[in-house]
N, C-alpha and C. Protein backbone atom coordinates (compact mmCIF):
# COMPACT_ATOMS: atom_id res chain seq x y z
N MET A 1 -28.50 6.60 -11.64
CA MET A 1 -27.40 7.31 -10.71
C MET A 1 -27.22 6.83 -8.94
N GLU A 2 -28.28 5.86 -8.98
CA GLU A 2 -28.32 5.16 -7.52
C GLU A 2 -26.98 4.54 -7.33
N LYS A 3 -26.83 3.79 -8.24
CA LYS A 3 -25.86 2.95 -8.69
C LYS A 3 -24.27 3.19 -8.46
N GLU A 4 -24.31 4.51 -9.05
CA GLU A 4 -23.22 5.30 -9.12
C GLU A 4 -22.90 5.78 -7.46
N LYS A 5 -23.88 6.08 -6.75
CA LYS A 5 -23.72 7.01 -5.37
C LYS A 5 -23.41 5.83 -4.44
N LYS A 6 -23.76 4.37 -4.74
CA LYS A 6 -23.58 3.26 -3.88
C LYS A 6 -21.85 2.92 -4.25
N PHE A 7 -21.91 2.94 -5.37
CA PHE A 7 -20.26 2.98 -6.05
C PHE A 7 -19.24 3.09 -5.47
N SER A 8 -19.70 4.61 -5.21
CA SER A 8 -18.55 6.04 -4.53
C SER A 8 -18.57 5.29 -3.03
N GLN A 9 -19.56 5.36 -2.14
CA GLN A 9 -19.95 4.85 -1.28
C GLN A 9 -18.84 3.73 -0.76
N ALA A 10 -18.86 2.52 -1.26
CA ALA A 10 -18.20 1.55 -1.50
C ALA A 10 -16.51 1.81 -1.79
N ALA A 11 -16.27 2.78 -2.34
CA ALA A 11 -14.93 3.38 -2.99
C ALA A 11 -14.18 4.42 -1.98
N HIS A 12 -15.12 4.60 -1.06
CA HIS A 12 -14.61 5.68 -0.03
C HIS A 12 -13.18 5.25 0.60
N PRO A 13 -12.70 6.53 0.96
CA PRO A 13 -11.41 6.21 1.30
C PRO A 13 -11.08 5.65 2.90
N LEU A 14 -12.51 5.56 3.29
CA LEU A 14 -12.59 4.78 4.59
C LEU A 14 -12.21 3.68 4.50
N ASN A 15 -12.73 2.92 3.18
CA ASN A 15 -12.69 1.42 3.19
C ASN A 15 -11.64 0.76 2.56
N TRP A 16 -10.97 1.89 1.51
CA TRP A 16 -9.46 1.44 1.41
C TRP A 16 -8.30 1.55 2.29
N TYR A 17 -8.80 2.35 3.47
CA TYR A 17 -7.68 2.33 4.77
C TYR A 17 -8.23 1.11 5.44
N GLU A 18 -9.47 0.87 5.41
CA GLU A 18 -9.71 -0.17 6.30
C GLU A 18 -8.73 -1.58 5.49
N VAL A 19 -8.98 -1.71 4.13
CA VAL A 19 -8.15 -2.72 3.48
C VAL A 19 -6.68 -2.51 3.61
N ALA A 20 -5.93 -1.37 3.75
CA ALA A 20 -4.98 -1.13 4.06
C ALA A 20 -4.38 -1.70 5.34
N LYS A 21 -5.43 -1.50 6.53
CA LYS A 21 -5.07 -1.88 7.90
C LYS A 21 -4.94 -3.33 7.91
N LEU A 22 -5.94 -3.94 7.60
CA LEU A 22 -6.02 -5.13 7.46
C LEU A 22 -4.90 -6.04 7.01
N MET A 23 -4.18 -5.32 5.82
CA MET A 23 -3.31 -6.05 5.09
C MET A 23 -2.26 -5.75 5.74
N HIS A 24 -1.86 -4.66 6.34
CA HIS A 24 -0.74 -4.47 7.25
C HIS A 24 -0.58 -5.14 8.55
N ASP A 25 -2.02 -5.48 9.13
CA ASP A 25 -2.05 -5.91 10.33
C ASP A 25 -1.75 -7.67 10.02
N ASN A 26 -1.96 -7.90 8.78
CA ASN A 26 -1.94 -9.47 8.49
C ASN A 26 -0.61 -9.41 8.01
N ALA A 27 0.40 -8.71 7.81
CA ALA A 27 1.49 -8.56 7.43
C ALA A 27 2.64 -8.48 8.94
N LYS A 28 2.15 -7.78 9.79
CA LYS A 28 2.52 -7.88 11.49
C LYS A 28 2.27 -9.29 11.57
N ALA A 29 1.45 -9.87 11.69
CA ALA A 29 1.06 -11.27 12.35
C ALA A 29 2.10 -11.95 11.82
N LEU A 30 2.09 -12.34 10.28
CA LEU A 30 3.01 -13.25 10.00
C LEU A 30 4.61 -12.79 9.99
N HIS A 31 4.65 -11.57 10.05
CA HIS A 31 6.32 -11.40 10.35
C HIS A 31 6.60 -11.78 11.75
N ASP A 32 5.34 -11.74 12.97
CA ASP A 32 6.32 -11.75 14.21
C ASP A 32 5.95 -13.29 14.50
N MET A 33 5.32 -14.00 13.97
CA MET A 33 5.14 -15.47 14.36
C MET A 33 6.39 -16.40 13.88
N PRO A 34 6.48 -17.30 14.72
CA PRO A 34 7.56 -17.95 14.76
C PRO A 34 7.67 -18.66 13.01
N GLN A 35 8.77 -18.73 12.58
CA GLN A 35 8.68 -19.38 11.23
C GLN A 35 10.06 -20.23 10.91
N GLY A 36 10.20 -20.62 9.71
CA GLY A 36 11.38 -21.71 9.34
C GLY A 36 12.10 -20.43 8.38
N THR A 37 13.07 -21.00 7.88
CA THR A 37 13.70 -20.33 6.95
C THR A 37 13.91 -21.32 5.59
N ILE A 38 14.71 -20.31 4.56
CA ILE A 38 14.42 -21.39 3.39
C ILE A 38 16.15 -20.78 2.98
N THR A 39 17.23 -21.42 2.43
CA THR A 39 18.22 -21.14 2.07
C THR A 39 18.20 -21.57 0.46
N TYR A 40 18.73 -20.63 -0.43
CA TYR A 40 18.95 -20.61 -2.05
C TYR A 40 20.57 -20.55 -2.17
N SER A 41 20.94 -21.56 -2.59
CA SER A 41 22.47 -21.75 -2.95
C SER A 41 22.76 -21.76 -4.61
N ASP A 42 23.27 -20.82 -5.06
CA ASP A 42 23.58 -21.30 -6.32
C ASP A 42 25.11 -21.54 -6.66
N GLY A 43 25.75 -22.01 -5.59
CA GLY A 43 27.01 -22.91 -5.76
C GLY A 43 28.32 -21.92 -5.53
N VAL A 44 28.10 -20.61 -5.51
CA VAL A 44 28.76 -19.21 -5.32
C VAL A 44 28.50 -18.64 -4.14
N LYS A 45 26.86 -18.53 -4.03
CA LYS A 45 26.55 -17.67 -3.03
C LYS A 45 25.21 -18.36 -2.40
N SER A 46 25.17 -17.89 -1.10
CA SER A 46 24.08 -18.82 -0.47
C SER A 46 23.26 -17.44 -0.13
N ILE A 47 21.87 -17.31 0.18
CA ILE A 47 20.98 -16.50 0.63
C ILE A 47 19.82 -17.19 1.72
N THR A 48 20.04 -17.04 2.69
CA THR A 48 18.55 -17.42 3.66
C THR A 48 17.75 -16.49 3.89
N ARG A 49 16.44 -16.40 4.03
CA ARG A 49 15.31 -15.59 4.28
C ARG A 49 14.73 -16.52 5.37
N PRO A 50 13.58 -15.53 6.16
CA PRO A 50 12.73 -16.17 6.70
C PRO A 50 11.41 -16.82 5.69
N THR A 51 10.93 -17.87 5.78
CA THR A 51 9.84 -17.99 4.41
C THR A 51 8.97 -17.43 4.41
N SER A 52 8.77 -16.61 5.32
CA SER A 52 7.59 -15.68 5.25
C SER A 52 7.98 -14.24 4.47
N ASN A 53 9.40 -14.41 4.14
CA ASN A 53 9.48 -12.79 3.83
C ASN A 53 8.92 -12.12 2.30
N ARG A 54 9.06 -13.28 1.42
CA ARG A 54 7.64 -12.59 0.17
C ARG A 54 6.55 -12.40 1.23
N SER A 55 5.97 -12.99 1.46
CA SER A 55 4.75 -12.55 1.67
C SER A 55 4.56 -11.87 2.74
N VAL A 56 5.28 -11.32 3.14
CA VAL A 56 5.19 -9.94 4.44
C VAL A 56 5.57 -9.02 3.48
N PHE A 57 6.74 -8.92 2.72
CA PHE A 57 6.61 -7.81 1.83
C PHE A 57 5.85 -7.55 0.71
N LEU A 58 5.33 -8.40 -0.02
CA LEU A 58 3.86 -8.35 -0.77
C LEU A 58 2.54 -7.40 0.03
N LEU A 59 2.42 -8.13 1.19
CA LEU A 59 1.27 -7.70 1.88
C LEU A 59 1.70 -6.16 2.46
N SER A 60 3.14 -5.88 2.89
CA SER A 60 3.42 -4.33 3.19
C SER A 60 3.32 -3.61 1.90
N ALA A 61 3.47 -4.12 0.95
CA ALA A 61 3.65 -3.43 -0.27
C ALA A 61 1.83 -2.83 -0.66
N PHE A 62 0.98 -3.84 -0.47
CA PHE A 62 -0.42 -3.53 -0.86
C PHE A 62 -0.68 -2.55 0.08
N ALA A 63 -0.36 -2.68 1.51
CA ALA A 63 -0.97 -2.25 2.29
C ALA A 63 -0.85 -0.62 2.10
N MET A 64 0.42 -0.45 1.59
CA MET A 64 0.94 0.98 1.42
C MET A 64 -0.13 1.16 0.07
N GLU A 65 -0.47 0.43 -0.75
CA GLU A 65 -0.93 0.96 -2.24
C GLU A 65 -2.37 1.47 -1.63
N ASN A 66 -2.47 0.54 -1.09
CA ASN A 66 -4.29 1.01 -0.32
C ASN A 66 -4.12 2.24 0.04
N LEU A 67 -3.25 2.54 1.33
CA LEU A 67 -3.39 3.67 2.01
C LEU A 67 -3.09 4.88 1.05
N LEU A 68 -2.21 4.61 -0.07
CA LEU A 68 -2.18 5.93 -0.96
C LEU A 68 -2.98 6.05 -1.98
N LYS A 69 -3.91 5.12 -2.48
CA LYS A 69 -5.21 5.08 -3.06
C LYS A 69 -6.49 5.80 -2.07
N ALA A 70 -6.32 5.62 -0.70
CA ALA A 70 -7.12 6.75 0.04
C ALA A 70 -6.91 7.95 0.30
N TYR A 71 -5.93 8.41 0.11
CA TYR A 71 -5.14 9.76 -0.29
C TYR A 71 -5.66 10.26 -1.45
N LEU A 72 -5.59 9.44 -2.20
CA LEU A 72 -6.37 9.93 -3.42
C LEU A 72 -7.45 10.21 -4.08
N ILE A 73 -7.73 9.25 -3.36
CA ILE A 73 -9.77 9.68 -3.34
C ILE A 73 -9.73 10.33 -2.67
N TYR A 74 -9.26 10.65 -1.31
CA TYR A 74 -9.99 11.81 -0.46
C TYR A 74 -9.47 13.22 -1.45
N GLU A 75 -8.62 13.10 -2.08
CA GLU A 75 -7.75 14.67 -2.59
C GLU A 75 -8.57 14.75 -3.95
N ASN A 76 -9.07 13.42 -4.47
CA ASN A 76 -9.61 13.57 -5.63
C ASN A 76 -10.99 12.60 -5.93
N PRO A 77 -12.20 13.00 -5.20
CA PRO A 77 -13.29 12.46 -5.30
C PRO A 77 -13.90 11.74 -6.91
N HIS A 78 -13.34 12.94 -7.61
CA HIS A 78 -13.58 12.37 -9.20
C HIS A 78 -13.42 11.17 -9.54
N TYR A 79 -12.27 10.84 -9.23
CA TYR A 79 -11.62 9.35 -9.04
C TYR A 79 -12.54 7.80 -8.88
N ILE A 80 -13.64 8.23 -8.47
CA ILE A 80 -14.31 7.11 -8.03
C ILE A 80 -16.12 7.26 -8.26
N LYS A 81 -16.28 8.41 -9.61
CA LYS A 81 -17.16 8.94 -10.13
C LYS A 81 -17.59 7.91 -11.20
N ASP A 82 -19.06 7.86 -11.59
CA ASP A 82 -19.74 7.49 -12.85
C ASP A 82 -19.37 5.55 -13.02
N GLY A 83 -19.45 5.09 -11.32
CA GLY A 83 -19.58 3.79 -11.24
C GLY A 83 -18.23 2.93 -11.97
N LYS A 84 -17.07 3.59 -11.62
CA LYS A 84 -15.62 3.18 -11.75
C LYS A 84 -14.85 3.57 -11.25
N LEU A 85 -13.78 2.71 -11.26
CA LEU A 85 -12.39 3.72 -10.76
C LEU A 85 -11.66 4.10 -11.58
N LYS A 86 -10.95 5.48 -11.68
CA LYS A 86 -10.41 6.22 -12.74
C LYS A 86 -9.14 5.50 -13.10
N LYS A 87 -8.60 5.69 -14.30
CA LYS A 87 -7.21 5.01 -14.32
C LYS A 87 -5.99 5.68 -13.72
N GLN A 88 -6.30 6.86 -13.56
CA GLN A 88 -5.20 7.15 -12.33
C GLN A 88 -4.81 6.50 -10.73
N LEU A 89 -5.72 5.55 -10.40
CA LEU A 89 -5.66 4.69 -9.14
C LEU A 89 -5.53 3.50 -9.78
N LEU A 90 -5.72 3.01 -10.94
CA LEU A 90 -5.57 1.87 -11.71
C LEU A 90 -4.06 1.17 -12.27
N ASN A 91 -3.66 2.39 -12.50
CA ASN A 91 -2.23 2.14 -13.59
C ASN A 91 -1.27 1.96 -12.56
N GLY A 92 -0.82 0.35 -12.70
CA GLY A 92 -0.11 -0.19 -12.26
C GLY A 92 0.53 -0.24 -10.60
N HIS A 93 1.45 -0.53 -9.99
CA HIS A 93 1.63 -0.72 -8.88
C HIS A 93 2.78 0.34 -8.17
N SER A 94 3.01 1.15 -8.86
CA SER A 94 4.21 1.89 -8.79
C SER A 94 4.11 3.10 -7.73
N LEU A 95 4.37 2.30 -6.09
CA LEU A 95 4.24 3.29 -5.13
C LEU A 95 4.67 4.66 -5.40
N SER A 96 5.90 4.91 -5.80
CA SER A 96 6.74 6.12 -5.34
C SER A 96 5.74 6.80 -6.73
N LYS A 97 5.24 6.39 -7.46
CA LYS A 97 4.55 7.49 -8.71
C LYS A 97 3.11 7.90 -7.65
N LEU A 98 2.69 7.11 -7.35
CA LEU A 98 1.17 6.94 -6.36
C LEU A 98 1.42 8.13 -5.27
N GLN A 99 2.79 8.01 -4.69
CA GLN A 99 2.84 8.92 -3.29
C GLN A 99 3.50 10.26 -3.69
N LYS A 100 3.91 10.48 -5.04
CA LYS A 100 4.03 11.76 -5.48
C LYS A 100 2.76 12.45 -6.16
N LYS A 101 1.76 11.46 -6.65
CA LYS A 101 0.61 12.30 -6.85
C LYS A 101 -0.10 12.76 -5.64
N CYS A 102 -0.26 12.39 -4.42
CA CYS A 102 -0.76 12.93 -3.01
C CYS A 102 -0.13 14.29 -2.66
N LYS A 103 -0.84 14.49 -2.15
CA LYS A 103 -0.71 16.57 -1.93
C LYS A 103 -0.78 16.55 0.05
N LYS A 104 -1.45 15.34 -0.04
CA LYS A 104 -1.67 15.54 1.68
C LYS A 104 -0.94 14.75 2.58
N VAL A 105 0.15 13.85 2.11
CA VAL A 105 0.59 13.19 2.84
C VAL A 105 1.78 13.47 3.79
N PRO A 106 2.00 12.86 4.93
CA PRO A 106 3.13 13.86 5.58
C PRO A 106 4.67 12.86 5.34
N ALA A 107 5.51 13.89 5.29
CA ALA A 107 7.56 13.80 4.73
C ALA A 107 7.37 13.07 3.57
N PRO A 108 6.68 13.48 2.29
CA PRO A 108 6.89 12.83 1.38
C PRO A 108 8.33 12.51 1.25
N LYS A 109 9.05 13.29 1.05
CA LYS A 109 10.41 13.28 0.72
C LYS A 109 11.38 11.76 1.51
N ARG A 110 10.86 12.28 2.63
CA ARG A 110 11.64 11.41 3.86
C ARG A 110 10.78 10.02 3.74
N SER A 111 9.77 9.71 3.39
CA SER A 111 9.28 8.33 3.13
C SER A 111 9.24 7.98 1.83
N LEU A 112 9.56 8.20 0.92
CA LEU A 112 9.76 8.25 -0.39
C LEU A 112 10.46 7.04 -0.64
N HIS A 113 11.47 6.46 -0.04
CA HIS A 113 12.39 5.29 -0.29
C HIS A 113 11.75 4.36 0.19
N ILE A 114 10.79 4.10 1.14
CA ILE A 114 10.05 3.07 1.80
C ILE A 114 9.28 2.68 0.45
N PHE A 115 8.49 3.16 -0.39
CA PHE A 115 7.61 3.40 -1.30
C PHE A 115 8.31 2.64 -2.61
N GLU A 116 9.64 3.24 -2.80
CA GLU A 116 10.57 2.80 -3.68
C GLU A 116 11.09 1.23 -3.66
N LYS A 117 11.42 1.29 -2.52
CA LYS A 117 11.83 -0.33 -2.03
C LYS A 117 10.72 -1.05 -2.12
N LEU A 118 9.64 -1.17 -1.64
CA LEU A 118 8.45 -1.82 -2.01
C LEU A 118 8.19 -2.23 -3.35
N GLU A 119 8.04 -1.39 -3.99
CA GLU A 119 7.81 -1.42 -5.40
C GLU A 119 8.27 -2.29 -6.06
N VAL A 120 9.45 -2.22 -6.18
CA VAL A 120 10.66 -2.92 -6.65
C VAL A 120 10.07 -4.67 -6.47
N GLY A 121 9.43 -5.13 -5.45
CA GLY A 121 9.14 -6.24 -5.37
C GLY A 121 7.59 -6.83 -5.83
N VAL A 122 7.03 -5.78 -5.79
CA VAL A 122 5.49 -6.35 -6.62
C VAL A 122 5.13 -6.53 -8.10
N ASN A 123 5.73 -6.28 -8.83
CA ASN A 123 6.06 -6.76 -9.94
C ASN A 123 7.16 -7.84 -10.14
N SER A 124 7.59 -8.24 -9.23
CA SER A 124 8.85 -9.40 -9.48
C SER A 124 8.93 -10.48 -8.36
N TRP A 125 9.81 -10.84 -7.90
CA TRP A 125 9.61 -11.54 -6.87
C TRP A 125 9.45 -12.09 -5.36
N ALA A 126 8.47 -10.50 -5.08
CA ALA A 126 7.46 -11.00 -4.32
C ALA A 126 6.16 -11.41 -4.31
N ARG A 127 5.59 -11.07 -5.60
CA ARG A 127 4.20 -11.78 -6.31
C ARG A 127 4.31 -12.52 -7.13
N TYR A 128 5.35 -12.98 -7.68
CA TYR A 128 5.66 -14.30 -9.02
C TYR A 128 6.76 -15.12 -8.23
N PRO A 129 6.94 -16.09 -9.13
CA PRO A 129 7.99 -16.72 -8.98
C PRO A 129 9.09 -15.95 -9.51
N CYS A 130 8.86 -15.39 -10.88
CA CYS A 130 9.82 -14.54 -11.70
C CYS A 130 9.46 -13.29 -12.02
N ALA A 131 9.90 -12.26 -12.16
CA ALA A 131 9.77 -11.27 -12.50
C ALA A 131 8.49 -11.08 -13.91
N THR A 132 8.14 -10.07 -14.40
CA THR A 132 6.83 -10.04 -15.34
C THR A 132 7.84 -10.25 -16.84
N SER A 133 9.09 -9.59 -16.81
CA SER A 133 9.98 -9.81 -18.26
C SER A 133 11.58 -9.43 -17.58
N ILE A 134 12.26 -9.70 -18.39
CA ILE A 134 13.59 -9.57 -17.95
C ILE A 134 13.81 -8.18 -17.77
N GLU A 135 13.41 -7.32 -18.22
CA GLU A 135 13.80 -5.75 -17.69
C GLU A 135 13.22 -5.50 -16.29
N ARG A 136 12.63 -6.12 -15.39
CA ARG A 136 11.71 -5.73 -14.27
C ARG A 136 12.23 -7.04 -12.99
N GLU A 137 13.69 -8.00 -13.82
CA GLU A 137 14.35 -8.99 -12.81
C GLU A 137 14.89 -8.23 -11.75
N SER A 138 14.84 -8.62 -10.48
CA SER A 138 15.46 -8.05 -9.28
C SER A 138 15.58 -9.14 -8.46
N GLU A 139 16.51 -9.01 -7.25
CA GLU A 139 16.92 -10.14 -6.79
C GLU A 139 16.02 -10.12 -5.28
N GLU A 140 15.39 -10.90 -4.89
CA GLU A 140 14.86 -10.93 -3.72
C GLU A 140 15.43 -10.24 -2.15
N ARG A 141 14.80 -9.46 -1.85
CA ARG A 141 15.22 -8.78 -0.83
C ARG A 141 14.38 -8.95 0.78
N ALA A 142 15.67 -8.57 1.78
CA ALA A 142 15.26 -9.31 2.95
C ALA A 142 14.42 -8.07 3.47
N VAL A 143 13.23 -8.68 4.31
CA VAL A 143 12.74 -7.73 4.96
C VAL A 143 13.59 -7.29 6.49
N THR A 144 14.46 -6.77 6.27
CA THR A 144 15.22 -6.75 7.62
C THR A 144 14.60 -6.03 8.54
N PRO A 145 15.42 -5.80 9.99
CA PRO A 145 14.68 -5.34 11.34
C PRO A 145 14.75 -3.79 10.63
N GLU A 146 15.90 -3.05 10.21
CA GLU A 146 15.77 -1.74 9.56
C GLU A 146 14.69 -1.39 8.90
N PHE A 147 14.73 -2.23 8.06
CA PHE A 147 13.14 -1.62 6.72
C PHE A 147 11.78 -1.76 7.64
N TRP A 148 11.79 -3.15 8.23
CA TRP A 148 10.77 -3.24 8.97
C TRP A 148 10.01 -1.70 9.88
N LYS A 149 11.35 -1.77 10.55
CA LYS A 149 10.78 -0.56 11.74
C LYS A 149 10.38 0.93 10.83
N ALA A 150 11.29 0.79 9.48
CA ALA A 150 10.74 2.07 8.72
C ALA A 150 9.84 2.05 8.26
N TYR A 151 9.14 0.73 7.49
CA TYR A 151 8.04 0.63 7.41
C TYR A 151 7.03 0.80 7.95
N ASN A 152 6.89 0.37 9.33
CA ASN A 152 5.83 0.45 10.07
C ASN A 152 5.90 2.14 10.78
N LYS A 153 6.77 3.08 10.65
CA LYS A 153 6.84 4.00 11.03
C LYS A 153 6.33 4.68 10.28
N VAL A 154 6.37 4.55 8.68
CA VAL A 154 5.89 5.11 7.49
C VAL A 154 4.00 5.00 7.86
N PHE A 155 3.84 3.64 7.67
CA PHE A 155 2.64 3.32 8.07
C PHE A 155 1.75 4.38 8.71
N ASP A 156 2.49 3.77 10.00
CA ASP A 156 1.71 4.91 11.12
C ASP A 156 1.71 6.15 10.83
N LEU A 157 2.78 7.27 10.58
CA LEU A 157 2.31 8.59 10.07
C LEU A 157 1.78 8.65 9.32
N TYR A 158 1.53 7.86 8.08
CA TYR A 158 -0.23 8.13 7.13
C TYR A 158 -0.98 7.51 7.39
N SER A 159 -0.88 6.99 8.48
CA SER A 159 -2.17 6.44 8.92
C SER A 159 -2.99 7.37 9.92
N LYS A 160 -2.24 7.99 10.81
CA LYS A 160 -2.52 8.76 11.74
C LYS A 160 -3.20 10.29 10.70
N ARG A 161 -2.30 10.76 9.79
CA ARG A 161 -2.55 12.16 8.96
C ARG A 161 -4.01 11.98 8.37
N LEU A 162 -4.18 10.65 7.68
CA LEU A 162 -5.37 10.13 6.90
C LEU A 162 -6.45 10.10 7.65
N GLU A 163 -6.53 9.40 9.11
CA GLU A 163 -7.55 9.20 10.23
C GLU A 163 -7.41 10.75 10.59
N LYS A 164 -7.13 11.62 10.36
CA LYS A 164 -7.32 13.41 11.06
C LYS A 164 -8.25 13.98 9.78
N LEU A 165 -7.58 13.52 8.54
CA LEU A 165 -8.40 14.23 7.26
C LEU A 165 -9.79 13.34 7.27
N LEU A 166 -9.73 12.09 7.47
CA LEU A 166 -11.37 11.84 7.09
C LEU A 166 -11.94 12.04 8.65
N SER A 167 -11.48 12.64 9.57
CA SER A 167 -12.33 12.83 10.53
C SER A 167 -12.94 14.44 10.28
N LYS A 168 -12.75 14.95 9.31
CA LYS A 168 -13.01 16.29 8.94
C LYS A 168 -14.23 16.15 7.69
N LYS A 169 -14.88 16.79 7.56
CA LYS A 169 -15.73 16.90 6.44
C LYS A 169 -15.13 16.73 5.20
N TRP A 170 -15.72 15.37 4.43
CA TRP A 170 -15.46 15.14 3.02
C TRP A 170 -16.43 15.03 1.90
N LYS A 171 -16.36 15.53 1.05
CA LYS A 171 -17.47 15.72 0.13
C LYS A 171 -16.96 14.56 -1.09
N ASN A 172 -18.23 13.54 -1.39
CA ASN A 172 -18.07 12.61 -2.41
C ASN A 172 -18.66 13.34 -3.49
N PRO A 173 -17.98 12.56 -5.01
CA PRO A 173 -18.28 13.13 -6.24
C PRO A 173 -19.67 13.67 -6.62
N TYR A 174 -20.35 13.11 -5.68
CA TYR A 174 -21.90 13.43 -5.85
C TYR A 174 -22.38 14.54 -4.81
N GLY A 175 -21.31 15.64 -4.22
CA GLY A 175 -21.58 16.69 -3.20
C GLY A 175 -22.24 16.00 -2.00
N GLU A 176 -22.41 14.69 -1.42
CA GLU A 176 -22.69 14.19 -0.32
C GLU A 176 -21.69 14.47 0.82
N VAL A 177 -22.02 14.81 1.62
CA VAL A 177 -20.76 15.34 3.00
C VAL A 177 -20.79 14.45 4.06
N GLY A 178 -19.60 13.97 4.59
CA GLY A 178 -19.73 12.94 5.71
C GLY A 178 -18.40 13.10 6.34
N TYR A 179 -18.36 12.40 7.45
CA TYR A 179 -16.75 12.61 8.28
C TYR A 179 -16.92 11.10 9.21
N VAL A 180 -15.75 10.87 9.58
CA VAL A 180 -15.65 9.52 10.03
C VAL A 180 -14.85 9.67 11.69
N GLU A 181 -15.49 9.00 12.33
CA GLU A 181 -15.24 9.14 14.00
C GLU A 181 -14.40 8.01 14.27
N PHE A 182 -13.28 8.27 14.77
CA PHE A 182 -12.32 7.24 15.01
C PHE A 182 -12.08 7.18 16.61
N LYS A 183 -12.33 6.06 16.98
CA LYS A 183 -12.03 5.38 18.56
C LYS A 183 -11.27 4.93 18.78
């Protein structure tokens, strides 16, 4: 039982949130640093993107995935019981499905499009040189200024709500109660 309790402490929503913030901060740093561009031409059309486009997109997607999983664990402590993560947390990288499972996220309908856009690249061009199957093939999307602004707005909105929730009492799957103090 002691090992299971330690595992639940490691899987605390705060830890998922900290990883989300780390990935988000790294995506921001990479996005904001001076960078080169790469141009691809198939003879008909040319596409030019910053060299960091894929990495920024992927880090942003993983940041949001960890943020959503923090919410899911907060709402469903039993997802981290018995020394393992439950399949509800591990099934794929569908950010829109994860977001729809969360009950306490702010503005779920207004923010859904960000999760839908991010999930397209996670199992395709942002993560691998090609999609995992022909059915998942999609063209690389640019991290446009508009998308970047919208992504940051949603990340900040979700972060503030999660911090507010974690500042209240939270009961882990073993009945231990705690809270987080943010400064």
